[in-house]
Amino acid sequence: MEKFVAGLALGAALGALWVANSAKTRTLVKKGQEEFKEKLDAYIDEKLAAMDSAAGGEEEKKPAGKKG
């Protein structure tokens, strides 16, 4: 297990160095991040719209304030 964790850490460090030193790779990573953010925003907006429409249909009219 220790070898796996050490290999994972070494691979992550080498990958970070490679990306940091390569302008082409850095632009690809930024492009991928932007595309992911756009898809995530669209997904969140879709879910919020679905929740709003579901909440609007379930909302019951409450009677006006009773005086007692």
PDB file of N, CA and C in Angstrom:
ATOM      1  N   MET A   1       0.815  -1.194   0.000  1.00  0.00           N
ATOM      2  CA  MET A   1       0.000   0.000   0.000  1.00  0.00           C
ATOM      3  C   MET A   1       0.861   1.260   0.000  1.00  0.00           C
ATOM      4  N   GLU A   2       1.985   1.206   0.734  1.00  0.00           N
ATOM      5  CA  GLU A   2       2.860   2.371   0.794  1.00  0.00           C
ATOM      6  C   GLU A   2       3.457   2.670  -0.577  1.00  0.00           C
ATOM      7  N   LYS A   3       3.764   1.620  -1.342  1.00  0.00           N
ATOM      8  CA  LYS A   3       4.323   1.820  -2.682  1.00  0.00           C
ATOM      9  C   LYS A   3       3.309   2.501  -3.595  1.00  0.00           C
ATOM     10  N   PHE A   4       2.056   2.120  -3.454  1.00  0.00           N
ATOM     11  CA  PHE A   4       1.008   2.730  -4.267  1.00  0.00           C
ATOM     12  C   PHE A   4       0.871   4.215  -3.952  1.00  0.00           C
ATOM     13  N   VAL A   5       0.830   4.546  -2.671  1.00  0.00           N
ATOM     14  CA  VAL A   5       0.678   5.941  -2.257  1.00  0.00           C
ATOM     15  C   VAL A   5       1.896   6.752  -2.696  1.00  0.00           C
ATOM     16  N   ALA A   6       3.084   6.172  -2.551  1.00  0.00           N
ATOM     17  CA  ALA A   6       4.298   6.877  -2.968  1.00  0.00           C
ATOM     18  C   ALA A   6       4.296   7.095  -4.481  1.00  0.00           C
ATOM     19  N   GLY A   7       3.881   6.099  -5.231  1.00  0.00           N
ATOM     20  CA  GLY A   7       3.805   6.240  -6.681  1.00  0.00           C
ATOM     21  C   GLY A   7       2.772   7.261  -7.102  1.00  0.00           C
ATOM     22  N   LEU A   8       1.648   7.276  -6.402  1.00  0.00           N
ATOM     23  CA  LEU A   8       0.599   8.248  -6.688  1.00  0.00           C
ATOM     24  C   LEU A   8       1.095   9.665  -6.417  1.00  0.00           C
ATOM     25  N   ALA A   9       1.774   9.863  -5.296  1.00  0.00           N
ATOM     26  CA  ALA A   9       2.299  11.189  -4.954  1.00  0.00           C
ATOM     27  C   ALA A   9       3.369  11.621  -5.950  1.00  0.00           C
ATOM     28  N   LEU A  10       4.250  10.706  -6.309  1.00  0.00           N
ATOM     29  CA  LEU A  10       5.306  11.024  -7.274  1.00  0.00           C
ATOM     30  C   LEU A  10       4.708  11.353  -8.640  1.00  0.00           C
ATOM     31  N   GLY A  11       3.726  10.585  -9.060  1.00  0.00           N
ATOM     32  CA  GLY A  11       3.071  10.848 -10.338  1.00  0.00           C
ATOM     33  C   GLY A  11       2.353  12.187 -10.355  1.00  0.00           C
ATOM     34  N   ALA A  12       1.691  12.520  -9.255  1.00  0.00           N
ATOM     35  CA  ALA A  12       1.005  13.810  -9.162  1.00  0.00           C
ATOM     36  C   ALA A  12       1.998  14.955  -9.218  1.00  0.00           C
ATOM     37  N   ALA A  13       3.121  14.800  -8.517  1.00  0.00           N
ATOM     38  CA  ALA A  13       4.137  15.855  -8.511  1.00  0.00           C
ATOM     39  C   ALA A  13       4.756  16.020  -9.902  1.00  0.00           C
ATOM     40  N   LEU A  14       5.086  14.915 -10.547  1.00  0.00           N
ATOM     41  CA  LEU A  14       5.667  14.999 -11.891  1.00  0.00           C
ATOM     42  C   LEU A  14       4.662  15.560 -12.892  1.00  0.00           C
ATOM     43  N   GLY A  15       3.416  15.185 -12.759  1.00  0.00           N
ATOM     44  CA  GLY A  15       2.382  15.716 -13.639  1.00  0.00           C
ATOM     45  C   GLY A  15       2.206  17.214 -13.453  1.00  0.00           C
ATOM     46  N   ALA A  16       2.247  17.666 -12.210  1.00  0.00           N
ATOM     47  CA  ALA A  16       2.128  19.098 -11.937  1.00  0.00           C
ATOM     48  C   ALA A  16       3.313  19.864 -12.517  1.00  0.00           C
ATOM     49  N   LEU A  17       4.501  19.301 -12.396  1.00  0.00           N
ATOM     50  CA  LEU A  17       5.678  19.954 -12.981  1.00  0.00           C
ATOM     51  C   LEU A  17       5.590  20.000 -14.499  1.00  0.00           C
ATOM     52  N   TRP A  18       5.115  18.931 -15.098  1.00  0.00           N
ATOM     53  CA  TRP A  18       4.990  18.878 -16.557  1.00  0.00           C
ATOM     54  C   TRP A  18       4.000  19.925 -17.048  1.00  0.00           C
ATOM     55  N   VAL A  19       2.873  20.021 -16.381  1.00  0.00           N
ATOM     56  CA  VAL A  19       1.858  21.004 -16.777  1.00  0.00           C
ATOM     57  C   VAL A  19       2.379  22.416 -16.558  1.00  0.00           C
ATOM     58  N   ALA A  20       3.079  22.644 -15.458  1.00  0.00           N
ATOM     59  CA  ALA A  20       3.588  23.977 -15.156  1.00  0.00           C
ATOM     60  C   ALA A  20       4.631  24.428 -16.178  1.00  0.00           C
ATOM     61  N   ASN A  21       5.369  23.496 -16.740  1.00  0.00           N
ATOM     62  CA  ASN A  21       6.435  23.842 -17.671  1.00  0.00           C
ATOM     63  C   ASN A  21       6.021  23.760 -19.126  1.00  0.00           C
ATOM     64  N   SER A  22       4.827  23.363 -19.415  1.00  0.00           N
ATOM     65  CA  SER A  22       4.380  23.220 -20.788  1.00  0.00           C
ATOM     66  C   SER A  22       3.202  24.157 -21.044  1.00  0.00           C
ATOM     67  N   ALA A  23       3.415  25.164 -21.873  1.00  0.00           N
ATOM     68  CA  ALA A  23       2.354  26.144 -22.157  1.00  0.00           C
ATOM     69  C   ALA A  23       1.189  25.484 -22.891  1.00  0.00           C
ATOM     70  N   LYS A  24       1.494  24.574 -23.805  1.00  0.00           N
ATOM     71  CA  LYS A  24       0.434  23.918 -24.569  1.00  0.00           C
ATOM     72  C   LYS A  24      -0.449  23.072 -23.644  1.00  0.00           C
ATOM     73  N   THR A  25       0.169  22.323 -22.765  1.00  0.00           N
ATOM     74  CA  THR A  25      -0.580  21.490 -21.830  1.00  0.00           C
ATOM     75  C   THR A  25      -1.378  22.364 -20.866  1.00  0.00           C
ATOM     76  N   ARG A  26      -0.773  23.471 -20.436  1.00  0.00           N
ATOM     77  CA  ARG A  26      -1.457  24.375 -19.516  1.00  0.00           C
ATOM     78  C   ARG A  26      -2.725  24.944 -20.156  1.00  0.00           C
ATOM     79  N   THR A  27      -2.651  25.314 -21.431  1.00  0.00           N
ATOM     80  CA  THR A  27      -3.844  25.837 -22.101  1.00  0.00           C
ATOM     81  C   THR A  27      -4.905  24.756 -22.252  1.00  0.00           C
ATOM     82  N   LEU A  28      -4.483  23.519 -22.505  1.00  0.00           N
ATOM     83  CA  LEU A  28      -5.444  22.417 -22.595  1.00  0.00           C
ATOM     84  C   LEU A  28      -6.141  22.186 -21.262  1.00  0.00           C
ATOM     85  N   VAL A  29      -5.388  22.254 -20.174  1.00  0.00           N
ATOM     86  CA  VAL A  29      -5.965  22.063 -18.850  1.00  0.00           C
ATOM     87  C   VAL A  29      -6.958  23.186 -18.542  1.00  0.00           C
ATOM     88  N   LYS A  30      -6.587  24.425 -18.844  1.00  0.00           N
ATOM     89  CA  LYS A  30      -7.495  25.556 -18.603  1.00  0.00           C
ATOM     90  C   LYS A  30      -8.759  25.426 -19.437  1.00  0.00           C
ATOM     91  N   LYS A  31      -8.607  24.998 -20.683  1.00  0.00           N
ATOM     92  CA  LYS A  31      -9.773  24.822 -21.558  1.00  0.00           C
ATOM     93  C   LYS A  31     -10.698  23.746 -20.988  1.00  0.00           C
ATOM     94  N   GLY A  32     -10.126  22.660 -20.532  1.00  0.00           N
ATOM     95  CA  GLY A  32     -10.914  21.582 -19.933  1.00  0.00           C
ATOM     96  C   GLY A  32     -11.637  22.038 -18.685  1.00  0.00           C
ATOM     97  N   GLN A  33     -10.963  22.843 -17.866  1.00  0.00           N
ATOM     98  CA  GLN A  33     -11.592  23.358 -16.655  1.00  0.00           C
ATOM     99  C   GLN A  33     -12.758  24.280 -16.996  1.00  0.00           C
ATOM    100  N   GLU A  34     -12.595  25.137 -17.978  1.00  0.00           N
ATOM    101  CA  GLU A  34     -13.668  26.053 -18.377  1.00  0.00           C
ATOM    102  C   GLU A  34     -14.871  25.281 -18.923  1.00  0.00           C
ATOM    103  N   GLU A  35     -14.611  24.263 -19.734  1.00  0.00           N
ATOM    104  CA  GLU A  35     -15.706  23.448 -20.274  1.00  0.00           C
ATOM    105  C   GLU A  35     -16.442  22.733 -19.146  1.00  0.00           C
ATOM    106  N   PHE A  36     -15.697  22.235 -18.175  1.00  0.00           N
ATOM    107  CA  PHE A  36     -16.308  21.553 -17.040  1.00  0.00           C
ATOM    108  C   PHE A  36     -17.173  22.517 -16.239  1.00  0.00           C
ATOM    109  N   LYS A  37     -16.662  23.736 -15.999  1.00  0.00           N
ATOM    110  CA  LYS A  37     -17.434  24.735 -15.255  1.00  0.00           C
ATOM    111  C   LYS A  37     -18.720  25.086 -15.988  1.00  0.00           C
ATOM    112  N   GLU A  38     -18.656  25.237 -17.316  1.00  0.00           N
ATOM    113  CA  GLU A  38     -19.847  25.568 -18.099  1.00  0.00           C
ATOM    114  C   GLU A  38     -20.889  24.450 -18.010  1.00  0.00           C
ATOM    115  N   LYS A  39     -20.433  23.208 -18.130  1.00  0.00           N
ATOM    116  CA  LYS A  39     -21.356  22.075 -18.036  1.00  0.00           C
ATOM    117  C   LYS A  39     -21.962  21.982 -16.639  1.00  0.00           C
ATOM    118  N   LEU A  40     -21.153  22.223 -15.627  1.00  0.00           N
ATOM    119  CA  LEU A  40     -21.634  22.168 -14.253  1.00  0.00           C
ATOM    120  C   LEU A  40     -22.660  23.265 -13.992  1.00  0.00           C
ATOM    121  N   ASP A  41     -22.386  24.482 -14.484  1.00  0.00           N
ATOM    122  CA  ASP A  41     -23.339  25.582 -14.324  1.00  0.00           C
ATOM    123  C   ASP A  41     -24.660  25.263 -15.004  1.00  0.00           C
ATOM    124  N   ALA A  42     -24.598  24.706 -16.211  1.00  0.00           N
ATOM    125  CA  ALA A  42     -25.819  24.350 -16.931  1.00  0.00           C
ATOM    126  C   ALA A  42     -26.597  23.278 -16.169  1.00  0.00           C
ATOM    127  N   TYR A  43     -25.891  22.302 -15.621  1.00  0.00           N
ATOM    128  CA  TYR A  43     -26.535  21.234 -14.860  1.00  0.00           C
ATOM    129  C   TYR A  43     -27.208  21.795 -13.611  1.00  0.00           C
ATOM    130  N   ILE A  44     -26.509  22.685 -12.897  1.00  0.00           N
ATOM    131  CA  ILE A  44     -27.071  23.273 -11.685  1.00  0.00           C
ATOM    132  C   ILE A  44     -28.294  24.107 -12.027  1.00  0.00           C
ATOM    133  N   ASP A  45     -28.216  24.907 -13.097  1.00  0.00           N
ATOM    134  CA  ASP A  45     -29.367  25.713 -13.511  1.00  0.00           C
ATOM    135  C   ASP A  45     -30.560  24.833 -13.855  1.00  0.00           C
ATOM    136  N   GLU A  46     -30.297  23.720 -14.523  1.00  0.00           N
ATOM    137  CA  GLU A  46     -31.370  22.786 -14.895  1.00  0.00           C
ATOM    138  C   GLU A  46     -32.031  22.201 -13.648  1.00  0.00           C
ATOM    139  N   LYS A  47     -31.220  21.794 -12.679  1.00  0.00           N
ATOM    140  CA  LYS A  47     -31.759  21.211 -11.449  1.00  0.00           C
ATOM    141  C   LYS A  47     -32.545  22.247 -10.636  1.00  0.00           C
ATOM    142  N   LEU A  48     -32.033  23.477 -10.585  1.00  0.00           N
ATOM    143  CA  LEU A  48     -32.750  24.527  -9.854  1.00  0.00           C
ATOM    144  C   LEU A  48     -34.081  24.841 -10.515  1.00  0.00           C
ATOM    145  N   ALA A  49     -34.105  24.861 -11.837  1.00  0.00           N
ATOM    146  CA  ALA A  49     -35.355  25.114 -12.551  1.00  0.00           C
ATOM    147  C   ALA A  49     -36.354  23.989 -12.279  1.00  0.00           C
ATOM    148  N   ALA A  50     -35.868  22.751 -12.252  1.00  0.00           N
ATOM    149  CA  ALA A  50     -36.748  21.617 -11.967  1.00  0.00           C
ATOM    150  C   ALA A  50     -37.287  21.699 -10.538  1.00  0.00           C
ATOM    151  N   MET A  51     -36.450  22.106  -9.603  1.00  0.00           N
ATOM    152  CA  MET A  51     -36.897  22.242  -8.214  1.00  0.00           C
ATOM    153  C   MET A  51     -37.916  23.368  -8.081  1.00  0.00           C
ATOM    154  N   ASP A  52     -37.689  24.479  -8.783  1.00  0.00           N
ATOM    155  CA  ASP A  52     -38.628  25.598  -8.722  1.00  0.00           C
ATOM    156  C   ASP A  52     -39.981  25.214  -9.299  1.00  0.00           C
ATOM    157  N   SER A  53     -39.968  24.493 -10.408  1.00  0.00           N
ATOM    158  CA  SER A  53     -41.242  24.105 -11.014  1.00  0.00           C
ATOM    159  C   SER A  53     -41.963  23.075 -10.148  1.00  0.00           C
ATOM    160  N   ALA A  54     -41.233  22.187  -9.514  1.00  0.00           N
ATOM    161  CA  ALA A  54     -41.846  21.196  -8.628  1.00  0.00           C
ATOM    162  C   ALA A  54     -42.392  21.872  -7.373  1.00  0.00           C
ATOM    163  N   ALA A  55     -41.667  22.830  -6.848  1.00  0.00           N
ATOM    164  CA  ALA A  55     -42.117  23.526  -5.644  1.00  0.00           C
ATOM    165  C   ALA A  55     -43.340  24.380  -5.946  1.00  0.00           C
ATOM    166  N   GLY A  56     -43.414  24.951  -7.123  1.00  0.00           N
ATOM    167  CA  GLY A  56     -44.560  25.764  -7.500  1.00  0.00           C
ATOM    168  C   GLY A  56     -45.823  24.938  -7.617  1.00  0.00           C
ATOM    169  N   GLY A  57     -45.721  23.709  -8.068  1.00  0.00           N
ATOM    170  CA  GLY A  57     -46.881  22.843  -8.202  1.00  0.00           C
ATOM    171  C   GLY A  57     -47.375  22.302  -6.881  1.00  0.00           C
ATOM    172  N   GLU A  58     -46.483  22.158  -5.908  1.00  0.00           N
ATOM    173  CA  GLU A  58     -46.856  21.588  -4.616  1.00  0.00           C
ATOM    174  C   GLU A  58     -47.294  22.652  -3.624  1.00  0.00           C
ATOM    175  N   GLU A  59     -47.045  23.902  -3.945  1.00  0.00           N
ATOM    176  CA  GLU A  59     -47.338  24.970  -3.005  1.00  0.00           C
ATOM    177  C   GLU A  59     -48.847  25.100  -2.819  1.00  0.00           C
ATOM    178  N   GLU A  60     -49.291  25.044  -1.580  1.00  0.00           N
ATOM    179  CA  GLU A  60     -50.711  25.138  -1.280  1.00  0.00           C
ATOM    180  C   GLU A  60     -51.039  26.566  -0.878  1.00  0.00           C
ATOM    181  N   LYS A  61     -52.232  26.962  -1.188  1.00  0.00           N
ATOM    182  CA  LYS A  61     -52.693  28.289  -0.782  1.00  0.00           C
ATOM    183  C   LYS A  61     -53.099  28.222   0.678  1.00  0.00           C
ATOM    184  N   LYS A  62     -52.531  29.093   1.453  1.00  0.00           N
ATOM    185  CA  LYS A  62     -52.871  29.143   2.880  1.00  0.00           C
ATOM    186  C   LYS A  62     -54.027  30.111   3.075  1.00  0.00           C
ATOM    187  N   PRO A  63     -54.924  29.780   3.973  1.00  0.00           N
ATOM    188  CA  PRO A  63     -56.044  30.697   4.216  1.00  0.00           C
ATOM    189  C   PRO A  63     -55.548  32.006   4.814  1.00  0.00           C
ATOM    190  N   ALA A  64     -56.322  33.044   4.586  1.00  0.00           N
ATOM    191  CA  ALA A  64     -55.967  34.344   5.147  1.00  0.00           C
ATOM    192  C   ALA A  64     -55.954  34.240   6.663  1.00  0.00           C
ATOM    193  N   GLY A  65     -55.226  35.138   7.298  1.00  0.00           N
ATOM    194  CA  GLY A  65     -55.062  35.086   8.746  1.00  0.00           C
ATOM    195  C   GLY A  65     -56.390  35.024   9.487  1.00  0.00           C
ATOM    196  N   LYS A  66     -56.499  34.083  10.383  1.00  0.00           N
ATOM    197  CA  LYS A  66     -57.729  33.929  11.175  1.00  0.00           C
ATOM    198  C   LYS A  66     -57.614  34.776  12.429  1.00  0.00           C
ATOM    199  N   LYS A  67     -58.718  35.352  12.760  1.00  0.00           N
ATOM    200  CA  LYS A  67     -58.766  36.099  14.014  1.00  0.00           C
ATOM    201  C   LYS A  67     -59.491  35.229  15.031  1.00  0.00           C
ATOM    202  N   GLY A  68     -58.899  35.037  16.152  1.00  0.00           N
ATOM    203  CA  GLY A  68     -59.511  34.113  17.073  1.00  0.00           C
ATOM    204  C   GLY A  68     -59.673  34.573  18.382  1.00  0.00           C
TER     205      GLY A  68
END
